[in-house]
Amino acid sequence: MICFDINVLIGLVQWLTGGFGLKAIQTTGMGEVMKDSMLRFFAVEHLIGMLVALALVHIGKSYAKKPVADTIKHRKSVLFYTIAFIITLASIPWPFRAIGEGRGWF
């Protein structure tokens, strides 16, 4: 959970200072950002996906701390962790996706 928090924090700093996040919205306007699929992905979709995944990780962690039966709390925490993992994977600009086309693996 702490690693995910640090990654989101670094990502928020990059979103605020980089060219694809807040600055893209300020310079071109939200309407133009939403029309361009690459700008929309980095300015909106990636940010929202990662923040939702962060919330799900924290919800899963809170279920793991609850004083209930082990099977119930582990089942719920694994469910939230799995959903957060799927959302995280869907929010990454992989090289085989249209948004990550031309990007290398490293």
Protein backbone atom coordinates (compact mmCIF):
# COMPACT_ATOMS: atom_id res chain seq x y z
CA MET A 1 0.00 0.00 0.00
CA ILE A 2 2.81 2.41 0.80
CA CYS A 3 4.47 1.74 -2.57
CA PHE A 4 1.20 2.48 -4.34
CA ASP A 5 0.80 5.69 -2.31
CA ILE A 6 4.31 6.81 -3.28
CA ASN A 7 3.69 5.99 -6.95
CA VAL A 8 0.47 8.01 -6.95
CA LEU A 9 2.22 10.90 -5.22
CA ILE A 10 4.98 10.91 -7.84
CA GLY A 11 2.36 10.68 -10.57
CA LEU A 12 0.42 13.63 -9.15
CA VAL A 13 3.59 15.73 -9.12
CA GLN A 14 4.21 14.78 -12.75
CA TRP A 15 0.58 15.51 -13.64
CA LEU A 16 0.81 18.95 -12.05
CA THR A 17 4.19 19.89 -13.55
CA GLY A 18 4.41 17.86 -16.78
CA GLY A 19 3.10 18.72 -20.20
CA PHE A 20 0.34 16.11 -20.44
CA GLY A 21 -1.65 16.92 -17.32
CA LEU A 22 -2.74 20.21 -15.87
CA LYS A 23 -0.64 22.30 -18.25
CA ALA A 24 -2.27 20.64 -21.26
CA ILE A 25 -5.68 21.48 -19.86
CA GLN A 26 -4.65 25.07 -19.14
CA THR A 27 -3.02 25.71 -22.51
CA THR A 28 -5.42 23.97 -24.87
CA GLY A 29 -8.62 23.96 -22.86
CA MET A 30 -10.60 21.02 -21.56
CA GLY A 31 -12.67 20.71 -24.74
CA GLU A 32 -9.60 20.24 -26.93
CA VAL A 33 -8.03 17.83 -24.45
CA MET A 34 -11.16 15.67 -24.53
CA LYS A 35 -11.07 15.57 -28.35
CA ASP A 36 -7.46 14.33 -28.50
CA SER A 37 -7.27 10.69 -27.34
CA MET A 38 -3.65 10.88 -26.16
CA LEU A 39 -4.11 14.07 -24.15
CA ARG A 40 -7.41 12.77 -22.74
CA PHE A 41 -5.76 9.54 -21.61
CA PHE A 42 -2.94 11.23 -19.73
CA ALA A 43 -4.87 14.27 -18.45
CA VAL A 44 -8.07 12.51 -17.38
CA GLU A 45 -8.35 8.72 -17.80
CA HIS A 46 -4.98 7.74 -16.33
CA LEU A 47 -5.40 10.11 -13.38
CA ILE A 48 -8.95 8.97 -12.55
CA GLY A 49 -8.07 5.28 -12.94
CA MET A 50 -5.10 5.49 -10.62
CA LEU A 51 -6.99 7.50 -7.99
CA VAL A 52 -9.84 4.97 -8.04
CA ALA A 53 -7.32 2.14 -7.69
CA LEU A 54 -5.69 3.97 -4.79
CA ALA A 55 -9.03 4.27 -3.02
CA LEU A 56 -9.73 0.57 -3.57
CA VAL A 57 -6.34 -0.40 -2.15
CA HIS A 58 -7.05 1.62 0.96
CA ILE A 59 -10.51 0.10 1.31
CA GLY A 60 -9.00 -3.37 0.97
CA LYS A 61 -6.42 -2.55 3.64
CA SER A 62 -9.13 -1.33 6.00
CA TYR A 63 -11.05 -4.59 5.54
CA ALA A 64 -7.89 -6.54 6.38
CA LYS A 65 -7.67 -4.74 9.75
CA LYS A 66 -11.29 -5.36 10.81
CA PRO A 67 -11.90 -7.68 13.77
CA VAL A 68 -14.12 -10.16 11.91
CA ALA A 69 -13.68 -13.75 10.80
CA ASP A 70 -10.52 -14.31 8.79
CA THR A 71 -12.26 -15.77 5.75
CA ILE A 72 -14.59 -12.78 5.44
CA LYS A 73 -11.96 -10.10 5.82
CA HIS A 74 -9.46 -11.84 3.54
CA ARG A 75 -12.07 -12.46 0.87
CA LYS A 76 -13.14 -8.80 0.87
CA SER A 77 -9.60 -7.45 0.92
CA VAL A 78 -8.53 -9.74 -1.94
CA LEU A 79 -11.59 -8.62 -3.92
CA PHE A 80 -10.69 -4.94 -3.53
CA TYR A 81 -6.99 -5.57 -4.24
CA THR A 82 -7.87 -7.53 -7.39
CA ILE A 83 -10.19 -4.82 -8.70
CA ALA A 84 -7.54 -2.18 -7.96
CA PHE A 85 -4.93 -4.28 -9.78
CA ILE A 86 -7.15 -4.64 -12.86
CA ILE A 87 -7.88 -0.90 -12.93
CA THR A 88 -4.17 -0.17 -12.55
CA LEU A 89 -3.29 -2.46 -15.46
CA ALA A 90 -6.02 -0.87 -17.59
CA SER A 91 -4.70 2.62 -16.82
CA ILE A 92 -1.13 1.96 -17.98
CA PRO A 93 -0.19 3.12 -21.50
CA TRP A 94 1.17 -0.26 -22.64
CA PRO A 95 3.15 -0.36 -25.92
CA PHE A 96 0.60 -2.74 -27.49
CA ARG A 97 -2.31 -0.33 -26.89
CA ALA A 98 -3.13 2.46 -29.32
CA ILE A 99 -2.28 5.08 -26.69
CA GLY A 100 1.18 3.61 -26.08
CA GLU A 101 2.02 2.94 -29.70
CA GLY A 102 5.62 3.75 -30.51
CA ARG A 103 6.68 3.61 -26.87
CA GLY A 104 9.23 1.02 -25.89
CA TRP A 105 9.00 -1.37 -23.00
CA PHE A 106 11.85 0.36 -21.16
